[in-house]
Amino acid sequence: KGVSCLTPVGAFYAFPDISSYYGKSYNGRQIISSMDLSNYLLEEAKAALVPGMAFGDDRYIRLSYATSMENIKKGLDRIEQALSNLV
């Protein structure tokens, strides 16, 4: 919920818009950029992402899906759980 993403064509990366989470926080830590959200997801979900600001748009994060479907599902479940903790 709150994440939108076009279907990737031609690469093994997804570039979801996560800006709906800006302004939310967890344990006093406010999310105001793709860097903040990427760091939060690394620490809380153990998911390594690249902030969209590195690609010219801070509303997005970059996800690689060059791994097994099992690993993708596990990672997305952890990301979903971590995002649900933001208020």
PDB file of N, CA and C in Angstrom:
ATOM      1  N   LYS A   1       0.840  -1.178   0.000  1.00  0.00           N
ATOM      2  CA  LYS A   1       0.000   0.000   0.000  1.00  0.00           C
ATOM      3  C   LYS A   1       0.888   1.245   0.000  1.00  0.00           C
ATOM      4  N   GLY A   2       0.579   2.197  -0.861  1.00  0.00           N
ATOM      5  CA  GLY A   2       1.339   3.440  -0.896  1.00  0.00           C
ATOM      6  C   GLY A   2       2.538   3.412  -1.821  1.00  0.00           C
ATOM      7  N   VAL A   3       2.757   2.291  -2.503  1.00  0.00           N
ATOM      8  CA  VAL A   3       3.880   2.159  -3.428  1.00  0.00           C
ATOM      9  C   VAL A   3       3.321   1.878  -4.820  1.00  0.00           C
ATOM     10  N   SER A   4       3.833   2.606  -5.809  1.00  0.00           N
ATOM     11  CA  SER A   4       3.428   2.321  -7.191  1.00  0.00           C
ATOM     12  C   SER A   4       4.681   2.106  -8.027  1.00  0.00           C
ATOM     13  N   CYS A   5       4.548   1.259  -9.044  1.00  0.00           N
ATOM     14  CA  CYS A   5       5.712   0.921  -9.853  1.00  0.00           C
ATOM     15  C   CYS A   5       5.273   0.486 -11.243  1.00  0.00           C
ATOM     16  N   LEU A   6       5.897   1.058 -12.243  1.00  0.00           N
ATOM     17  CA  LEU A   6       5.672   0.598 -13.604  1.00  0.00           C
ATOM     18  C   LEU A   6       6.383  -0.737 -13.793  1.00  0.00           C
ATOM     19  N   THR A   7       5.870  -1.563 -14.683  1.00  0.00           N
ATOM     20  CA  THR A   7       6.508  -2.838 -14.982  1.00  0.00           C
ATOM     21  C   THR A   7       7.819  -2.584 -15.720  1.00  0.00           C
ATOM     22  N   PRO A   8       8.933  -3.082 -15.193  1.00  0.00           N
ATOM     23  CA  PRO A   8      10.219  -2.888 -15.866  1.00  0.00           C
ATOM     24  C   PRO A   8      10.252  -3.622 -17.215  1.00  0.00           C
ATOM     25  N   VAL A   9      10.930  -3.027 -18.176  1.00  0.00           N
ATOM     26  CA  VAL A   9      11.122  -3.670 -19.481  1.00  0.00           C
ATOM     27  C   VAL A   9      12.588  -3.545 -19.871  1.00  0.00           C
ATOM     28  N   GLY A  10      13.265  -4.677 -19.953  1.00  0.00           N
ATOM     29  CA  GLY A  10      14.627  -4.670 -20.453  1.00  0.00           C
ATOM     30  C   GLY A  10      15.735  -4.625 -19.423  1.00  0.00           C
ATOM     31  N   ALA A  11      15.415  -4.682 -18.151  1.00  0.00           N
ATOM     32  CA  ALA A  11      16.459  -4.681 -17.127  1.00  0.00           C
ATOM     33  C   ALA A  11      15.972  -5.500 -15.944  1.00  0.00           C
ATOM     34  N   PHE A  12      16.834  -5.700 -14.969  1.00  0.00           N
ATOM     35  CA  PHE A  12      16.446  -6.444 -13.776  1.00  0.00           C
ATOM     36  C   PHE A  12      16.355  -5.517 -12.572  1.00  0.00           C
ATOM     37  N   TYR A  13      15.819  -4.327 -12.822  1.00  0.00           N
ATOM     38  CA  TYR A  13      15.600  -3.338 -11.771  1.00  0.00           C
ATOM     39  C   TYR A  13      14.163  -2.856 -11.810  1.00  0.00           C
ATOM     40  N   ALA A  14      13.631  -2.559 -10.640  1.00  0.00           N
ATOM     41  CA  ALA A  14      12.338  -1.897 -10.526  1.00  0.00           C
ATOM     42  C   ALA A  14      12.605  -0.538  -9.876  1.00  0.00           C
ATOM     43  N   PHE A  15      11.763   0.437 -10.178  1.00  0.00           N
ATOM     44  CA  PHE A  15      11.951   1.801  -9.701  1.00  0.00           C
ATOM     45  C   PHE A  15      10.634   2.303  -9.101  1.00  0.00           C
ATOM     46  N   PRO A  16      10.246   1.768  -7.932  1.00  0.00           N
ATOM     47  CA  PRO A  16       8.958   2.143  -7.340  1.00  0.00           C
ATOM     48  C   PRO A  16       8.957   3.541  -6.720  1.00  0.00           C
ATOM     49  N   ASP A  17       7.801   4.190  -6.836  1.00  0.00           N
ATOM     50  CA  ASP A  17       7.566   5.493  -6.209  1.00  0.00           C
ATOM     51  C   ASP A  17       7.162   5.237  -4.766  1.00  0.00           C
ATOM     52  N   ILE A  18       7.964   5.729  -3.837  1.00  0.00           N
ATOM     53  CA  ILE A  18       7.728   5.503  -2.420  1.00  0.00           C
ATOM     54  C   ILE A  18       7.472   6.822  -1.681  1.00  0.00           C
ATOM     55  N   SER A  19       7.217   7.880  -2.436  1.00  0.00           N
ATOM     56  CA  SER A  19       7.091   9.214  -1.843  1.00  0.00           C
ATOM     57  C   SER A  19       5.903   9.346  -0.898  1.00  0.00           C
ATOM     58  N   SER A  20       4.929   8.448  -0.971  1.00  0.00           N
ATOM     59  CA  SER A  20       3.791   8.524  -0.048  1.00  0.00           C
ATOM     60  C   SER A  20       4.221   8.266   1.401  1.00  0.00           C
ATOM     61  N   TYR A  21       5.414   7.738   1.591  1.00  0.00           N
ATOM     62  CA  TYR A  21       5.921   7.481   2.936  1.00  0.00           C
ATOM     63  C   TYR A  21       6.704   8.664   3.506  1.00  0.00           C
ATOM     64  N   TYR A  22       6.936   9.686   2.714  1.00  0.00           N
ATOM     65  CA  TYR A  22       7.656  10.862   3.206  1.00  0.00           C
ATOM     66  C   TYR A  22       6.790  11.582   4.241  1.00  0.00           C
ATOM     67  N   GLY A  23       7.436  11.980   5.310  1.00  0.00           N
ATOM     68  CA  GLY A  23       6.731  12.620   6.407  1.00  0.00           C
ATOM     69  C   GLY A  23       6.340  11.640   7.502  1.00  0.00           C
ATOM     70  N   LYS A  24       6.466  10.348   7.227  1.00  0.00           N
ATOM     71  CA  LYS A  24       6.157   9.330   8.242  1.00  0.00           C
ATOM     72  C   LYS A  24       7.413   9.082   9.072  1.00  0.00           C
ATOM     73  N   SER A  25       7.214   8.397  10.182  1.00  0.00           N
ATOM     74  CA  SER A  25       8.367   8.151  11.057  1.00  0.00           C
ATOM     75  C   SER A  25       8.238   6.826  11.787  1.00  0.00           C
ATOM     76  N   TYR A  26       9.342   6.418  12.388  1.00  0.00           N
ATOM     77  CA  TYR A  26       9.415   5.202  13.189  1.00  0.00           C
ATOM     78  C   TYR A  26      10.387   5.467  14.330  1.00  0.00           C
ATOM     79  N   ASN A  27       9.907   5.322  15.559  1.00  0.00           N
ATOM     80  CA  ASN A  27      10.735   5.569  16.740  1.00  0.00           C
ATOM     81  C   ASN A  27      11.433   6.928  16.685  1.00  0.00           C
ATOM     82  N   GLY A  28      10.701   7.946  16.263  1.00  0.00           N
ATOM     83  CA  GLY A  28      11.238   9.302  16.217  1.00  0.00           C
ATOM     84  C   GLY A  28      12.111   9.606  15.015  1.00  0.00           C
ATOM     85  N   ARG A  29      12.281   8.662  14.143  1.00  0.00           N
ATOM     86  CA  ARG A  29      13.120   8.841  12.956  1.00  0.00           C
ATOM     87  C   ARG A  29      12.226   9.168  11.764  1.00  0.00           C
ATOM     88  N   GLN A  30      12.312  10.395  11.264  1.00  0.00           N
ATOM     89  CA  GLN A  30      11.432  10.839  10.190  1.00  0.00           C
ATOM     90  C   GLN A  30      12.014  10.513   8.817  1.00  0.00           C
ATOM     91  N   ILE A  31      11.129  10.109   7.907  1.00  0.00           N
ATOM     92  CA  ILE A  31      11.507   9.790   6.528  1.00  0.00           C
ATOM     93  C   ILE A  31      11.159  10.991   5.660  1.00  0.00           C
ATOM     94  N   ILE A  32      12.179  11.631   5.074  1.00  0.00           N
ATOM     95  CA  ILE A  32      11.909  12.799   4.224  1.00  0.00           C
ATOM     96  C   ILE A  32      12.589  12.703   2.860  1.00  0.00           C
ATOM     97  N   SER A  33      13.258  11.580   2.586  1.00  0.00           N
ATOM     98  CA  SER A  33      13.951  11.439   1.304  1.00  0.00           C
ATOM     99  C   SER A  33      14.121   9.955   0.969  1.00  0.00           C
ATOM    100  N   SER A  34      14.509   9.698  -0.270  1.00  0.00           N
ATOM    101  CA  SER A  34      14.775   8.310  -0.665  1.00  0.00           C
ATOM    102  C   SER A  34      15.973   7.746   0.089  1.00  0.00           C
ATOM    103  N   MET A  35      16.903   8.586   0.458  1.00  0.00           N
ATOM    104  CA  MET A  35      18.048   8.147   1.267  1.00  0.00           C
ATOM    105  C   MET A  35      17.580   7.708   2.645  1.00  0.00           C
ATOM    106  N   ASP A  36      16.705   8.508   3.271  1.00  0.00           N
ATOM    107  CA  ASP A  36      16.170   8.142   4.584  1.00  0.00           C
ATOM    108  C   ASP A  36      15.449   6.798   4.516  1.00  0.00           C
ATOM    109  N   LEU A  37      14.593   6.627   3.504  1.00  0.00           N
ATOM    110  CA  LEU A  37      13.824   5.388   3.402  1.00  0.00           C
ATOM    111  C   LEU A  37      14.732   4.204   3.094  1.00  0.00           C
ATOM    112  N   SER A  38      15.717   4.404   2.240  1.00  0.00           N
ATOM    113  CA  SER A  38      16.662   3.326   1.926  1.00  0.00           C
ATOM    114  C   SER A  38      17.435   2.894   3.168  1.00  0.00           C
ATOM    115  N   ASN A  39      17.897   3.851   3.953  1.00  0.00           N
ATOM    116  CA  ASN A  39      18.618   3.523   5.185  1.00  0.00           C
ATOM    117  C   ASN A  39      17.706   2.814   6.183  1.00  0.00           C
ATOM    118  N   TYR A  40      16.474   3.305   6.314  1.00  0.00           N
ATOM    119  CA  TYR A  40      15.506   2.678   7.207  1.00  0.00           C
ATOM    120  C   TYR A  40      15.261   1.224   6.793  1.00  0.00           C
ATOM    121  N   LEU A  41      15.028   0.995   5.490  1.00  0.00           N
ATOM    122  CA  LEU A  41      14.747  -0.363   5.012  1.00  0.00           C
ATOM    123  C   LEU A  41      15.967  -1.276   5.145  1.00  0.00           C
ATOM    124  N   LEU A  42      17.153  -0.728   4.998  1.00  0.00           N
ATOM    125  CA  LEU A  42      18.362  -1.533   5.209  1.00  0.00           C
ATOM    126  C   LEU A  42      18.437  -1.995   6.665  1.00  0.00           C
ATOM    127  N   GLU A  43      18.191  -1.074   7.583  1.00  0.00           N
ATOM    128  CA  GLU A  43      18.292  -1.403   9.006  1.00  0.00           C
ATOM    129  C   GLU A  43      17.125  -2.257   9.493  1.00  0.00           C
ATOM    130  N   GLU A  44      15.913  -1.911   9.118  1.00  0.00           N
ATOM    131  CA  GLU A  44      14.727  -2.580   9.661  1.00  0.00           C
ATOM    132  C   GLU A  44      14.319  -3.827   8.880  1.00  0.00           C
ATOM    133  N   ALA A  45      14.470  -3.794   7.553  1.00  0.00           N
ATOM    134  CA  ALA A  45      14.028  -4.927   6.727  1.00  0.00           C
ATOM    135  C   ALA A  45      15.200  -5.762   6.221  1.00  0.00           C
ATOM    136  N   LYS A  46      16.417  -5.284   6.475  1.00  0.00           N
ATOM    137  CA  LYS A  46      17.618  -5.959   5.960  1.00  0.00           C
ATOM    138  C   LYS A  46      17.548  -6.093   4.439  1.00  0.00           C
ATOM    139  N   ALA A  47      17.034  -5.034   3.792  1.00  0.00           N
ATOM    140  CA  ALA A  47      16.904  -4.985   2.336  1.00  0.00           C
ATOM    141  C   ALA A  47      17.757  -3.838   1.808  1.00  0.00           C
ATOM    142  N   ALA A  48      18.695  -4.148   0.926  1.00  0.00           N
ATOM    143  CA  ALA A  48      19.579  -3.139   0.350  1.00  0.00           C
ATOM    144  C   ALA A  48      18.944  -2.569  -0.914  1.00  0.00           C
ATOM    145  N   LEU A  49      18.738  -1.264  -0.922  1.00  0.00           N
ATOM    146  CA  LEU A  49      18.132  -0.548  -2.038  1.00  0.00           C
ATOM    147  C   LEU A  49      19.027   0.621  -2.406  1.00  0.00           C
ATOM    148  N   VAL A  50      18.780   1.215  -3.550  1.00  0.00           N
ATOM    149  CA  VAL A  50      19.522   2.411  -3.947  1.00  0.00           C
ATOM    150  C   VAL A  50      18.543   3.582  -3.953  1.00  0.00           C
ATOM    151  N   PRO A  51      18.879   4.677  -3.270  1.00  0.00           N
ATOM    152  CA  PRO A  51      17.995   5.838  -3.272  1.00  0.00           C
ATOM    153  C   PRO A  51      17.797   6.378  -4.683  1.00  0.00           C
ATOM    154  N   GLY A  52      16.587   6.798  -4.988  1.00  0.00           N
ATOM    155  CA  GLY A  52      16.280   7.339  -6.309  1.00  0.00           C
ATOM    156  C   GLY A  52      17.024   8.617  -6.629  1.00  0.00           C
ATOM    157  N   MET A  53      17.443   9.346  -5.592  1.00  0.00           N
ATOM    158  CA  MET A  53      18.178  10.597  -5.837  1.00  0.00           C
ATOM    159  C   MET A  53      19.445  10.326  -6.654  1.00  0.00           C
ATOM    160  N   ALA A  54      19.999   9.133  -6.563  1.00  0.00           N
ATOM    161  CA  ALA A  54      21.189   8.788  -7.344  1.00  0.00           C
ATOM    162  C   ALA A  54      20.871   8.679  -8.839  1.00  0.00           C
ATOM    163  N   PHE A  55      19.578   8.568  -9.164  1.00  0.00           N
ATOM    164  CA  PHE A  55      19.141   8.449 -10.555  1.00  0.00           C
ATOM    165  C   PHE A  55      18.312   9.648 -10.988  1.00  0.00           C
ATOM    166  N   GLY A  56      18.336  10.704 -10.188  1.00  0.00           N
ATOM    167  CA  GLY A  56      17.707  11.952 -10.584  1.00  0.00           C
ATOM    168  C   GLY A  56      16.284  12.169 -10.115  1.00  0.00           C
ATOM    169  N   ASP A  57      15.724  11.267  -9.298  1.00  0.00           N
ATOM    170  CA  ASP A  57      14.367  11.473  -8.805  1.00  0.00           C
ATOM    171  C   ASP A  57      14.240  10.912  -7.398  1.00  0.00           C
ATOM    172  N   ASP A  58      14.120  11.810  -6.442  1.00  0.00           N
ATOM    173  CA  ASP A  58      14.107  11.446  -5.035  1.00  0.00           C
ATOM    174  C   ASP A  58      12.802  10.793  -4.585  1.00  0.00           C
ATOM    175  N   ARG A  59      11.810  10.705  -5.451  1.00  0.00           N
ATOM    176  CA  ARG A  59      10.544  10.056  -5.080  1.00  0.00           C
ATOM    177  C   ARG A  59      10.620   8.537  -5.169  1.00  0.00           C
ATOM    178  N   TYR A  60      11.729   8.009  -5.672  1.00  0.00           N
ATOM    179  CA  TYR A  60      11.832   6.586  -5.990  1.00  0.00           C
ATOM    180  C   TYR A  60      12.988   5.914  -5.261  1.00  0.00           C
ATOM    181  N   ILE A  61      12.929   4.583  -5.234  1.00  0.00           N
ATOM    182  CA  ILE A  61      14.063   3.757  -4.835  1.00  0.00           C
ATOM    183  C   ILE A  61      14.285   2.743  -5.950  1.00  0.00           C
ATOM    184  N   ARG A  62      15.481   2.237  -6.042  1.00  0.00           N
ATOM    185  CA  ARG A  62      15.793   1.251  -7.087  1.00  0.00           C
ATOM    186  C   ARG A  62      16.007  -0.112  -6.435  1.00  0.00           C
ATOM    187  N   LEU A  63      15.268  -1.095  -6.942  1.00  0.00           N
ATOM    188  CA  LEU A  63      15.357  -2.468  -6.451  1.00  0.00           C
ATOM    189  C   LEU A  63      15.889  -3.360  -7.554  1.00  0.00           C
ATOM    190  N   SER A  64      16.828  -4.220  -7.242  1.00  0.00           N
ATOM    191  CA  SER A  64      17.284  -5.226  -8.188  1.00  0.00           C
ATOM    192  C   SER A  64      16.535  -6.516  -7.914  1.00  0.00           C
ATOM    193  N   TYR A  65      16.089  -7.164  -8.958  1.00  0.00           N
ATOM    194  CA  TYR A  65      15.444  -8.468  -8.775  1.00  0.00           C
ATOM    195  C   TYR A  65      16.211  -9.560  -9.513  1.00  0.00           C
ATOM    196  N   ALA A  66      17.532  -9.452  -9.477  1.00  0.00           N
ATOM    197  CA  ALA A  66      18.409 -10.454 -10.084  1.00  0.00           C
ATOM    198  C   ALA A  66      18.742 -11.527  -9.052  1.00  0.00           C
ATOM    199  N   THR A  67      17.717 -12.215  -8.606  1.00  0.00           N
ATOM    200  CA  THR A  67      17.865 -13.279  -7.620  1.00  0.00           C
ATOM    201  C   THR A  67      16.681 -14.233  -7.774  1.00  0.00           C
ATOM    202  N   SER A  68      16.596 -15.207  -6.925  1.00  0.00           N
ATOM    203  CA  SER A  68      15.508 -16.189  -7.025  1.00  0.00           C
ATOM    204  C   SER A  68      14.168 -15.566  -6.628  1.00  0.00           C
ATOM    205  N   MET A  69      13.085 -16.146  -7.123  1.00  0.00           N
ATOM    206  CA  MET A  69      11.752 -15.673  -6.765  1.00  0.00           C
ATOM    207  C   MET A  69      11.529 -15.817  -5.258  1.00  0.00           C
ATOM    208  N   GLU A  70      12.069 -16.853  -4.666  1.00  0.00           N
ATOM    209  CA  GLU A  70      11.946 -17.041  -3.223  1.00  0.00           C
ATOM    210  C   GLU A  70      12.580 -15.876  -2.460  1.00  0.00           C
ATOM    211  N   ASN A  71      13.787 -15.473  -2.871  1.00  0.00           N
ATOM    212  CA  ASN A  71      14.452 -14.340  -2.225  1.00  0.00           C
ATOM    213  C   ASN A  71      13.700 -13.035  -2.458  1.00  0.00           C
ATOM    214  N   ILE A  72      13.162 -12.863  -3.644  1.00  0.00           N
ATOM    215  CA  ILE A  72      12.387 -11.654  -3.941  1.00  0.00           C
ATOM    216  C   ILE A  72      11.167 -11.579  -3.023  1.00  0.00           C
ATOM    217  N   LYS A  73      10.448 -12.671  -2.898  1.00  0.00           N
ATOM    218  CA  LYS A  73       9.253 -12.690  -2.042  1.00  0.00           C
ATOM    219  C   LYS A  73       9.617 -12.402  -0.588  1.00  0.00           C
ATOM    220  N   LYS A  74      10.677 -13.027  -0.098  1.00  0.00           N
ATOM    221  CA  LYS A  74      11.106 -12.788   1.279  1.00  0.00           C
ATOM    222  C   LYS A  74      11.473 -11.317   1.494  1.00  0.00           C
ATOM    223  N   GLY A  75      12.228 -10.761   0.555  1.00  0.00           N
ATOM    224  CA  GLY A  75      12.627  -9.362   0.668  1.00  0.00           C
ATOM    225  C   GLY A  75      11.441  -8.411   0.632  1.00  0.00           C
ATOM    226  N   LEU A  76      10.506  -8.668  -0.289  1.00  0.00           N
ATOM    227  CA  LEU A  76       9.321  -7.814  -0.373  1.00  0.00           C
ATOM    228  C   LEU A  76       8.453  -7.941   0.867  1.00  0.00           C
ATOM    229  N   ASP A  77       8.372  -9.125   1.443  1.00  0.00           N
ATOM    230  CA  ASP A  77       7.622  -9.293   2.693  1.00  0.00           C
ATOM    231  C   ASP A  77       8.256  -8.476   3.817  1.00  0.00           C
ATOM    232  N   ARG A  78       9.588  -8.506   3.894  1.00  0.00           N
ATOM    233  CA  ARG A  78      10.278  -7.726   4.935  1.00  0.00           C
ATOM    234  C   ARG A  78      10.095  -6.231   4.707  1.00  0.00           C
ATOM    235  N   ILE A  79      10.160  -5.801   3.445  1.00  0.00           N
ATOM    236  CA  ILE A  79       9.939  -4.386   3.123  1.00  0.00           C
ATOM    237  C   ILE A  79       8.519  -3.977   3.493  1.00  0.00           C
ATOM    238  N   GLU A  80       7.543  -4.802   3.116  1.00  0.00           N
ATOM    239  CA  GLU A  80       6.141  -4.502   3.451  1.00  0.00           C
ATOM    240  C   GLU A  80       5.952  -4.358   4.957  1.00  0.00           C
ATOM    241  N   GLN A  81       6.532  -5.262   5.717  1.00  0.00           N
ATOM    242  CA  GLN A  81       6.414  -5.192   7.177  1.00  0.00           C
ATOM    243  C   GLN A  81       7.029  -3.911   7.716  1.00  0.00           C
ATOM    244  N   ALA A  82       8.225  -3.563   7.242  1.00  0.00           N
ATOM    245  CA  ALA A  82       8.895  -2.357   7.712  1.00  0.00           C
ATOM    246  C   ALA A  82       8.097  -1.101   7.348  1.00  0.00           C
ATOM    247  N   LEU A  83       7.552  -1.059   6.130  1.00  0.00           N
ATOM    248  CA  LEU A  83       6.747   0.097   5.728  1.00  0.00           C
ATOM    249  C   LEU A  83       5.491   0.218   6.575  1.00  0.00           C
ATOM    250  N   SER A  84       4.915  -0.909   6.971  1.00  0.00           N
ATOM    251  CA  SER A  84       3.694  -0.872   7.791  1.00  0.00           C
ATOM    252  C   SER A  84       3.977  -0.326   9.201  1.00  0.00           C
ATOM    253  N   ASN A  85       5.234  -0.310   9.617  1.00  0.00           N
ATOM    254  CA  ASN A  85       5.597   0.223  10.932  1.00  0.00           C
ATOM    255  C   ASN A  85       5.726   1.746  10.948  1.00  0.00           C
ATOM    256  N   LEU A  86       5.750   2.349   9.760  1.00  0.00           N
ATOM    257  CA  LEU A  86       5.865   3.806   9.682  1.00  0.00           C
ATOM    258  C   LEU A  86       4.519   4.463   9.972  1.00  0.00           C
ATOM    259  N   VAL A  87       4.549   5.505  10.778  1.00  0.00           N
ATOM    260  CA  VAL A  87       3.311   6.239  11.115  1.00  0.00           C
ATOM    261  C   VAL A  87       3.484   7.715  10.871  1.00  0.00           C
TER     262      VAL A  87
END
